[in-house]
N, C-alpha and C. Protein backbone atom coordinates (compact mmCIF):
# COMPACT_ATOMS: atom_id res chain seq x y z
N MET A 1 -144.74 180.61 -141.04
CA MET A 1 -143.31 180.39 -140.92
C MET A 1 -142.86 180.70 -139.49
N ALA A 2 -142.00 179.87 -138.96
CA ALA A 2 -141.49 180.07 -137.61
C ALA A 2 -140.44 181.18 -137.61
N ARG A 3 -140.47 182.01 -136.57
CA ARG A 3 -139.54 183.13 -136.43
C ARG A 3 -138.70 182.95 -135.18
N ILE A 4 -137.42 183.33 -135.26
CA ILE A 4 -136.56 183.35 -134.08
C ILE A 4 -136.82 184.66 -133.34
N THR A 5 -137.10 184.56 -132.03
CA THR A 5 -137.38 185.75 -131.23
C THR A 5 -136.38 185.96 -130.10
N HIS A 6 -135.57 184.94 -129.80
CA HIS A 6 -134.62 185.05 -128.68
C HIS A 6 -133.44 184.12 -128.95
N LEU A 7 -132.23 184.64 -128.79
CA LEU A 7 -131.01 183.84 -128.96
C LEU A 7 -130.04 184.17 -127.84
N VAL A 8 -129.30 183.16 -127.41
CA VAL A 8 -128.15 183.36 -126.54
C VAL A 8 -126.95 182.76 -127.26
N LEU A 9 -125.94 183.59 -127.52
CA LEU A 9 -124.79 183.21 -128.33
C LEU A 9 -123.51 183.28 -127.53
N ASP A 10 -122.63 182.30 -127.73
CA ASP A 10 -121.29 182.30 -127.17
C ASP A 10 -120.35 182.78 -128.27
N ILE A 11 -119.72 183.94 -128.05
CA ILE A 11 -118.91 184.59 -129.08
C ILE A 11 -117.52 184.88 -128.54
N LEU A 12 -116.51 184.65 -129.38
CA LEU A 12 -115.14 185.06 -129.08
C LEU A 12 -114.81 186.24 -129.98
N LYS A 13 -114.31 187.34 -129.39
CA LYS A 13 -113.98 188.53 -130.17
C LYS A 13 -112.65 189.09 -129.72
N PRO A 14 -111.95 189.79 -130.62
CA PRO A 14 -110.73 190.48 -130.19
C PRO A 14 -111.10 191.68 -129.30
N HIS A 15 -110.12 192.24 -128.60
CA HIS A 15 -110.39 193.40 -127.75
C HIS A 15 -110.89 194.61 -128.55
N ASP A 16 -110.46 194.69 -129.79
CA ASP A 16 -110.91 195.78 -130.66
C ASP A 16 -111.75 195.18 -131.79
N PRO A 17 -112.99 195.58 -131.97
CA PRO A 17 -113.65 196.77 -131.46
C PRO A 17 -114.07 196.62 -129.99
N PRO A 18 -114.27 197.75 -129.33
CA PRO A 18 -114.75 197.73 -127.94
C PRO A 18 -116.14 197.08 -127.85
N LEU A 19 -116.49 196.66 -126.66
CA LEU A 19 -117.75 195.95 -126.43
C LEU A 19 -118.97 196.73 -126.91
N VAL A 20 -119.04 198.02 -126.61
CA VAL A 20 -120.21 198.82 -126.99
C VAL A 20 -120.35 198.87 -128.52
N ALA A 21 -119.26 199.13 -129.22
CA ALA A 21 -119.30 199.18 -130.68
C ALA A 21 -119.67 197.82 -131.27
N PHE A 22 -119.17 196.76 -130.68
CA PHE A 22 -119.49 195.41 -131.13
C PHE A 22 -120.99 195.14 -130.99
N ALA A 23 -121.54 195.46 -129.83
CA ALA A 23 -122.98 195.25 -129.58
C ALA A 23 -123.84 196.12 -130.51
N GLN A 24 -123.42 197.35 -130.73
CA GLN A 24 -124.18 198.23 -131.63
C GLN A 24 -124.19 197.67 -133.05
N HIS A 25 -123.05 197.18 -133.50
CA HIS A 25 -122.96 196.62 -134.85
C HIS A 25 -123.86 195.38 -134.97
N LEU A 26 -123.89 194.55 -133.94
CA LEU A 26 -124.78 193.39 -133.96
C LEU A 26 -126.25 193.82 -134.02
N ALA A 27 -126.61 194.84 -133.25
CA ALA A 27 -128.00 195.31 -133.23
C ALA A 27 -128.44 195.82 -134.60
N GLU A 28 -127.50 196.33 -135.38
CA GLU A 28 -127.82 196.83 -136.71
C GLU A 28 -128.02 195.71 -137.74
N ALA A 29 -127.73 194.47 -137.34
CA ALA A 29 -127.83 193.34 -138.28
C ALA A 29 -129.27 192.91 -138.56
N SER A 30 -130.19 193.28 -137.70
CA SER A 30 -131.58 192.85 -137.87
C SER A 30 -132.50 193.93 -137.32
N PRO A 31 -133.49 194.39 -138.08
CA PRO A 31 -134.37 195.47 -137.63
C PRO A 31 -135.06 195.15 -136.29
N GLY A 32 -135.06 196.12 -135.40
CA GLY A 32 -135.73 195.96 -134.11
C GLY A 32 -135.01 195.05 -133.13
N LEU A 33 -133.75 194.72 -133.40
CA LEU A 33 -133.01 193.79 -132.56
C LEU A 33 -132.49 194.46 -131.30
N SER A 34 -132.69 193.82 -130.16
CA SER A 34 -132.14 194.25 -128.88
C SER A 34 -130.99 193.31 -128.55
N VAL A 35 -129.84 193.88 -128.15
CA VAL A 35 -128.64 193.09 -127.88
C VAL A 35 -128.14 193.40 -126.47
N LEU A 36 -127.90 192.35 -125.69
CA LEU A 36 -127.28 192.45 -124.37
C LEU A 36 -126.01 191.62 -124.42
N ALA A 37 -124.86 192.25 -124.20
CA ALA A 37 -123.57 191.56 -124.28
C ALA A 37 -122.89 191.54 -122.92
N ASP A 38 -122.58 190.35 -122.44
CA ASP A 38 -121.88 190.17 -121.17
C ASP A 38 -120.51 189.58 -121.44
N VAL A 39 -119.46 190.18 -120.86
CA VAL A 39 -118.11 189.62 -120.95
C VAL A 39 -118.00 188.55 -119.87
N VAL A 40 -117.67 187.32 -120.28
CA VAL A 40 -117.55 186.23 -119.31
C VAL A 40 -116.10 185.81 -119.09
N GLU A 41 -115.21 186.21 -120.00
CA GLU A 41 -113.79 185.87 -119.84
C GLU A 41 -112.95 186.82 -120.69
N ILE A 42 -111.80 187.18 -120.16
CA ILE A 42 -110.87 188.05 -120.87
C ILE A 42 -109.48 187.41 -120.79
N ASP A 43 -108.80 187.38 -121.94
CA ASP A 43 -107.38 187.02 -121.90
C ASP A 43 -106.59 188.12 -122.57
N ASP A 44 -105.33 187.89 -122.89
CA ASP A 44 -104.49 188.98 -123.40
C ASP A 44 -104.89 189.47 -124.78
N ARG A 45 -105.58 188.66 -125.59
CA ARG A 45 -105.94 189.09 -126.94
C ARG A 45 -107.44 189.06 -127.25
N THR A 46 -108.22 188.33 -126.46
CA THR A 46 -109.64 188.13 -126.80
C THR A 46 -110.55 188.30 -125.59
N GLN A 47 -111.84 188.41 -125.91
CA GLN A 47 -112.90 188.42 -124.91
C GLN A 47 -113.93 187.36 -125.31
N THR A 48 -114.40 186.62 -124.33
CA THR A 48 -115.51 185.69 -124.56
C THR A 48 -116.78 186.38 -124.08
N LEU A 49 -117.76 186.41 -124.95
CA LEU A 49 -119.02 187.10 -124.65
C LEU A 49 -120.18 186.12 -124.61
N LEU A 50 -121.15 186.40 -123.77
CA LEU A 50 -122.45 185.74 -123.81
C LEU A 50 -123.41 186.83 -124.27
N VAL A 51 -123.94 186.69 -125.47
CA VAL A 51 -124.76 187.73 -126.09
C VAL A 51 -126.20 187.25 -126.20
N THR A 52 -127.11 188.04 -125.65
CA THR A 52 -128.54 187.74 -125.73
C THR A 52 -129.16 188.69 -126.75
N CYS A 53 -129.85 188.11 -127.72
CA CYS A 53 -130.53 188.89 -128.76
C CYS A 53 -132.02 188.64 -128.67
N GLU A 54 -132.80 189.72 -128.72
CA GLU A 54 -134.25 189.61 -128.71
C GLU A 54 -134.82 190.47 -129.83
N GLY A 55 -135.81 189.94 -130.51
CA GLY A 55 -136.45 190.67 -131.58
C GLY A 55 -137.63 189.91 -132.14
N ARG A 56 -138.32 190.54 -133.05
CA ARG A 56 -139.52 189.93 -133.64
C ARG A 56 -139.18 188.84 -134.64
N ASP A 57 -138.12 189.04 -135.41
CA ASP A 57 -137.73 188.08 -136.44
C ASP A 57 -136.22 188.17 -136.65
N ILE A 58 -135.47 187.48 -135.81
CA ILE A 58 -134.01 187.59 -135.80
C ILE A 58 -133.41 186.83 -136.98
N ASP A 59 -132.50 187.49 -137.67
CA ASP A 59 -131.79 186.90 -138.81
C ASP A 59 -130.43 186.39 -138.31
N LEU A 60 -130.36 185.10 -137.99
CA LEU A 60 -129.12 184.53 -137.44
C LEU A 60 -127.97 184.62 -138.43
N GLU A 61 -128.24 184.45 -139.71
CA GLU A 61 -127.17 184.55 -140.71
C GLU A 61 -126.58 185.96 -140.75
N ALA A 62 -127.42 186.98 -140.64
CA ALA A 62 -126.94 188.36 -140.64
C ALA A 62 -126.12 188.65 -139.38
N ILE A 63 -126.55 188.12 -138.25
CA ILE A 63 -125.80 188.31 -137.01
C ILE A 63 -124.45 187.60 -137.10
N SER A 64 -124.44 186.40 -137.62
CA SER A 64 -123.20 185.64 -137.79
C SER A 64 -122.23 186.38 -138.71
N ALA A 65 -122.75 186.94 -139.79
CA ALA A 65 -121.91 187.71 -140.72
C ALA A 65 -121.35 188.96 -140.04
N ALA A 66 -122.15 189.62 -139.21
CA ALA A 66 -121.68 190.82 -138.50
C ALA A 66 -120.57 190.45 -137.51
N ILE A 67 -120.71 189.33 -136.84
CA ILE A 67 -119.68 188.86 -135.90
C ILE A 67 -118.37 188.64 -136.65
N THR A 68 -118.44 187.94 -137.76
CA THR A 68 -117.24 187.64 -138.57
C THR A 68 -116.61 188.92 -139.11
N ALA A 69 -117.44 189.87 -139.54
CA ALA A 69 -116.94 191.13 -140.10
C ALA A 69 -116.15 191.93 -139.07
N MET A 70 -116.42 191.72 -137.79
CA MET A 70 -115.70 192.44 -136.74
C MET A 70 -114.57 191.62 -136.14
N GLY A 71 -114.22 190.51 -136.80
CA GLY A 71 -113.09 189.69 -136.35
C GLY A 71 -113.44 188.68 -135.28
N GLY A 72 -114.73 188.50 -135.00
CA GLY A 72 -115.15 187.55 -133.98
C GLY A 72 -115.54 186.21 -134.58
N SER A 73 -115.85 185.28 -133.71
CA SER A 73 -116.35 183.98 -134.17
C SER A 73 -117.47 183.51 -133.25
N LEU A 74 -118.49 182.95 -133.87
CA LEU A 74 -119.64 182.41 -133.14
C LEU A 74 -119.27 180.99 -132.72
N HIS A 75 -119.10 180.78 -131.42
CA HIS A 75 -118.75 179.45 -130.93
C HIS A 75 -119.95 178.54 -130.85
N SER A 76 -121.08 179.07 -130.36
CA SER A 76 -122.26 178.22 -130.25
C SER A 76 -123.51 179.06 -130.05
N VAL A 77 -124.63 178.46 -130.40
CA VAL A 77 -125.95 179.00 -130.06
C VAL A 77 -126.37 178.22 -128.82
N ASP A 78 -126.40 178.90 -127.68
CA ASP A 78 -126.65 178.23 -126.41
C ASP A 78 -128.13 178.17 -126.03
N LYS A 79 -128.92 179.05 -126.62
CA LYS A 79 -130.36 179.05 -126.34
C LYS A 79 -131.07 179.69 -127.52
N VAL A 80 -132.24 179.18 -127.85
CA VAL A 80 -133.03 179.75 -128.94
C VAL A 80 -134.51 179.64 -128.59
N GLN A 81 -135.25 180.68 -128.93
CA GLN A 81 -136.71 180.64 -128.81
C GLN A 81 -137.28 180.95 -130.19
N VAL A 82 -138.18 180.10 -130.63
CA VAL A 82 -138.79 180.24 -131.94
C VAL A 82 -140.30 180.23 -131.76
N ILE A 83 -140.99 181.08 -132.53
CA ILE A 83 -142.45 181.11 -132.46
C ILE A 83 -143.02 180.87 -133.87
N ASN A 84 -144.06 180.06 -133.91
CA ASN A 84 -144.79 179.82 -135.16
C ASN A 84 -146.14 180.49 -135.00
N ASP A 85 -146.31 181.62 -135.66
CA ASP A 85 -147.56 182.35 -135.50
C ASP A 85 -148.43 182.31 -136.77
N THR A 86 -148.22 181.31 -137.58
CA THR A 86 -149.06 181.17 -138.77
C THR A 86 -150.25 180.30 -138.44
N SER A 87 -151.35 180.60 -139.08
CA SER A 87 -152.57 179.82 -138.89
C SER A 87 -152.58 178.65 -139.87
N PRO A 88 -153.06 177.50 -139.44
CA PRO A 88 -153.16 176.38 -140.38
C PRO A 88 -154.17 176.71 -141.47
N ALA A 89 -153.89 176.28 -142.68
CA ALA A 89 -154.77 176.57 -143.83
C ALA A 89 -155.97 175.67 -143.86
């Protein structure tokens, strides 16, 4: 089975929760997940983030649910790396 190992996400979030808390909550969505969050735009009510996620087997649905739970929205998946490490039978 192919596994997602790297994602770059375009996310819109409100100012609250703060960036650190938002990134920590995302990291908790998938075991062993590393999250790097960059603010690329700020307006009076929201922040646009470019979030890079790295891990052995990233659960995109869990990350998407975590984003929604914190009042954010996933605008796009801008980059993805997938690995197929199964041997042919």
